[in-house]
Protein backbone atom coordinates (compact mmCIF):
# COMPACT_ATOMS: atom_id res chain seq x y z
CA MET A 1 104.49 46.75 149.73
CA THR A 2 104.01 44.18 146.88
CA ARG A 3 104.12 45.28 143.19
CA PHE A 4 101.94 43.20 141.03
CA ASN A 5 102.93 42.84 137.26
CA SER A 6 99.89 42.81 135.06
CA SER A 7 101.37 39.70 133.22
CA THR A 8 101.31 38.05 136.75
CA VAL A 9 97.77 38.51 137.05
CA LEU A 10 96.91 38.01 133.44
CA TRP A 11 98.86 34.58 132.92
CA PRO A 12 97.01 32.66 135.40
CA ILE A 13 93.58 33.92 134.16
CA LEU A 14 94.30 33.22 130.57
CA PHE A 15 95.37 29.55 131.38
CA GLY A 16 92.41 28.94 133.41
CA PHE A 17 90.15 30.08 130.73
CA PHE A 18 92.06 27.85 128.32
CA ILE A 19 91.63 24.73 130.51
CA ILE A 20 88.18 25.38 130.71
CA ALA A 21 87.88 25.61 126.96
CA LEU A 22 89.69 22.32 126.45
CA SER A 23 87.54 20.62 129.15
CA ASN A 24 84.02 21.88 128.01
CA PRO A 25 82.32 19.38 126.03
CA LEU A 26 80.13 21.77 124.20
CA ILE A 27 83.34 23.55 122.69
CA SER A 28 84.95 20.02 121.34
CA LYS A 29 84.90 18.90 118.17
CA ASP A 30 84.75 15.38 119.45
CA HIS A 31 81.05 14.43 119.23
CA GLU A 32 81.70 11.65 121.61
CA LYS A 33 82.11 14.02 124.25
CA CYS A 34 79.03 16.08 123.71
CA VAL A 35 76.79 15.99 127.17
CA MET A 36 73.29 16.02 125.20
CA PRO A 37 70.99 13.07 125.08
CA PHE A 38 70.81 12.09 121.07
CA ASN A 39 67.40 11.05 119.80
CA ASN A 40 67.32 7.31 118.54
CA THR A 41 67.69 8.37 114.86
CA LEU A 42 70.81 10.13 115.35
CA ASN A 43 72.32 7.48 117.74
CA LEU A 44 71.64 5.00 114.84
CA ILE A 45 73.33 7.08 112.25
CA ARG A 46 76.22 7.84 114.57
CA SER A 47 76.48 4.21 115.40
CA ARG A 48 76.38 2.86 111.72
CA ILE A 49 78.88 5.41 110.43
CA ASN A 50 81.17 5.27 113.14
CA SER A 51 81.34 1.18 112.87
CA SER A 52 81.75 1.10 109.27
CA LEU A 53 85.05 0.44 107.51
CA LEU A 54 83.99 2.07 104.50
CA VAL A 55 83.84 5.45 105.61
CA THR A 56 85.62 8.01 108.19
CA LYS A 57 84.25 8.39 111.72
CA ILE A 58 82.06 11.43 112.03
CA ARG A 59 83.68 14.87 113.04
CA LEU A 60 80.98 17.26 113.80
CA SER A 61 81.16 19.80 116.60
CA CYS A 62 78.61 19.59 119.45
CA ASP A 63 77.08 22.61 118.24
CA ASP A 64 76.41 20.83 114.78
CA PHE A 65 74.87 17.81 116.69
CA HIS A 66 72.76 20.04 118.91
CA GLN A 67 71.14 21.43 115.68
CA ILE A 68 70.81 18.03 113.98
CA ASN A 69 69.35 16.61 117.09
CA SER A 70 66.73 19.50 117.18
CA TRP A 71 65.18 18.19 113.84
CA GLN A 72 61.98 15.96 113.51
CA GLU A 73 63.42 12.46 113.49
CA ALA A 74 61.04 11.23 110.76
CA ASP A 75 62.59 14.24 108.85
CA ILE A 76 66.17 13.22 109.05
CA MET A 77 67.46 11.62 105.71
CA VAL A 78 71.09 10.49 104.86
CA THR A 79 72.54 10.54 101.51
CA THR A 80 75.62 10.80 99.47
CA ALA A 81 77.15 13.83 97.66
CA ARG A 82 80.55 14.72 96.16
CA THR A 83 82.77 17.21 97.76
CA SER A 84 86.21 18.15 96.52
CA GLY A 85 86.55 15.16 94.47
CA LYS A 86 85.41 12.76 97.11
CA HIS A 87 82.23 10.86 98.05
CA VAL A 88 80.64 11.97 101.30
CA ILE A 89 77.94 11.14 103.65
CA CYS A 90 75.47 13.73 104.20
CA ILE A 91 72.59 14.51 106.78
CA THR A 92 69.76 16.77 106.23
CA ASN A 93 66.00 17.30 106.96
CA ASN A 94 64.68 18.18 103.59
CA ASP A 95 65.55 16.97 100.09
CA VAL A 96 65.90 20.61 98.68
CA GLN A 97 69.24 20.88 100.35
CA PRO A 98 70.48 17.36 100.25
CA CYS A 99 73.70 17.94 102.22
CA LYS A 100 73.40 20.37 105.14
CA TYR A 101 76.27 18.52 107.04
CA VAL A 102 78.67 16.18 105.94
CA LEU A 103 79.05 13.26 108.23
CA SER A 104 81.62 11.26 106.72
CA THR A 105 84.06 10.84 103.86
CA PHE A 106 84.38 7.45 101.88
CA ILE A 107 87.73 5.60 102.38
CA THR A 108 86.82 3.40 99.52
CA GLU A 109 86.00 4.46 95.94
CA SER A 110 83.03 1.89 95.68
CA ASN A 111 79.54 2.73 94.37
CA PRO A 112 77.83 5.51 96.89
CA THR A 113 74.34 3.80 96.80
CA LEU A 114 75.93 0.20 97.70
CA VAL A 115 78.22 1.87 100.34
CA LEU A 116 75.35 3.63 101.98
CA SER A 117 73.09 0.54 101.61
CA SER A 118 75.66 -1.62 103.15
CA ILE A 119 76.21 0.89 106.12
CA PHE A 120 72.45 0.87 106.99
CA GLY A 121 71.83 -2.67 106.04
CA LEU A 122 69.46 -1.85 103.43
CA ASP A 123 68.06 -4.45 100.84
CA SER A 124 64.95 -4.87 98.82
CA SER A 125 63.04 -5.56 101.78
CA ASN A 126 63.74 -1.95 103.27
CA GLN A 127 62.05 -0.25 100.34
CA GLU A 128 60.02 2.32 102.72
CA ALA A 129 62.97 3.65 104.17
CA LEU A 130 64.33 4.46 101.06
CA LYS A 131 63.72 7.47 98.39
CA GLU A 132 65.79 7.21 95.30
CA THR A 133 66.12 10.02 92.77
CA ILE A 134 68.28 10.02 89.67
CA GLU A 135 70.96 11.82 91.30
CA ARG A 136 71.23 10.14 94.70
CA LEU A 137 69.61 7.62 97.44
CA PHE A 138 68.22 9.33 100.63
CA VAL A 139 67.86 6.92 103.61
CA ARG A 140 65.25 7.54 106.64
CA PRO A 141 66.96 6.06 109.47
CA SER A 142 63.66 6.62 111.64
CA LYS A 143 61.88 4.02 109.32
CA LEU A 144 64.56 1.48 109.91
CA LEU A 145 64.02 2.16 113.71
CA LEU A 146 60.26 1.71 113.09
CA LYS A 147 60.93 -1.84 111.06
CA SER A 148 63.14 -3.24 113.92
CA ARG A 149 60.56 -2.86 116.58
């Protein structure tokens, strides 16, 4: 008769769950491994921020991206804020809560409005994509997409 120790059975099962969790893109913190189609606005935001040398790459979970991806594209706005003494780029779908998710942190100590304008290629000809308050600049990437068509 063969005797089974509970740890003999338990360890391979736990190891299997660990391997599945590591390989599951929905659990990963790396948004590049998320298996979902991103809308055009979110693709533009990801592309511009991740290719910029002025800010860090985006580090959000797939769950966060899934939530953001469910917003109406016309409502998505990108802005800046200050968190823990550093300037950050935030994303929101309303200006009442301007920093629903922090997308990236500034590498440089430059003017936040200038950095955000530079990342999205904004100048005086892109005024319809901008909404500037006393406190911050809001960029509507969906309007930039419309203008480029």
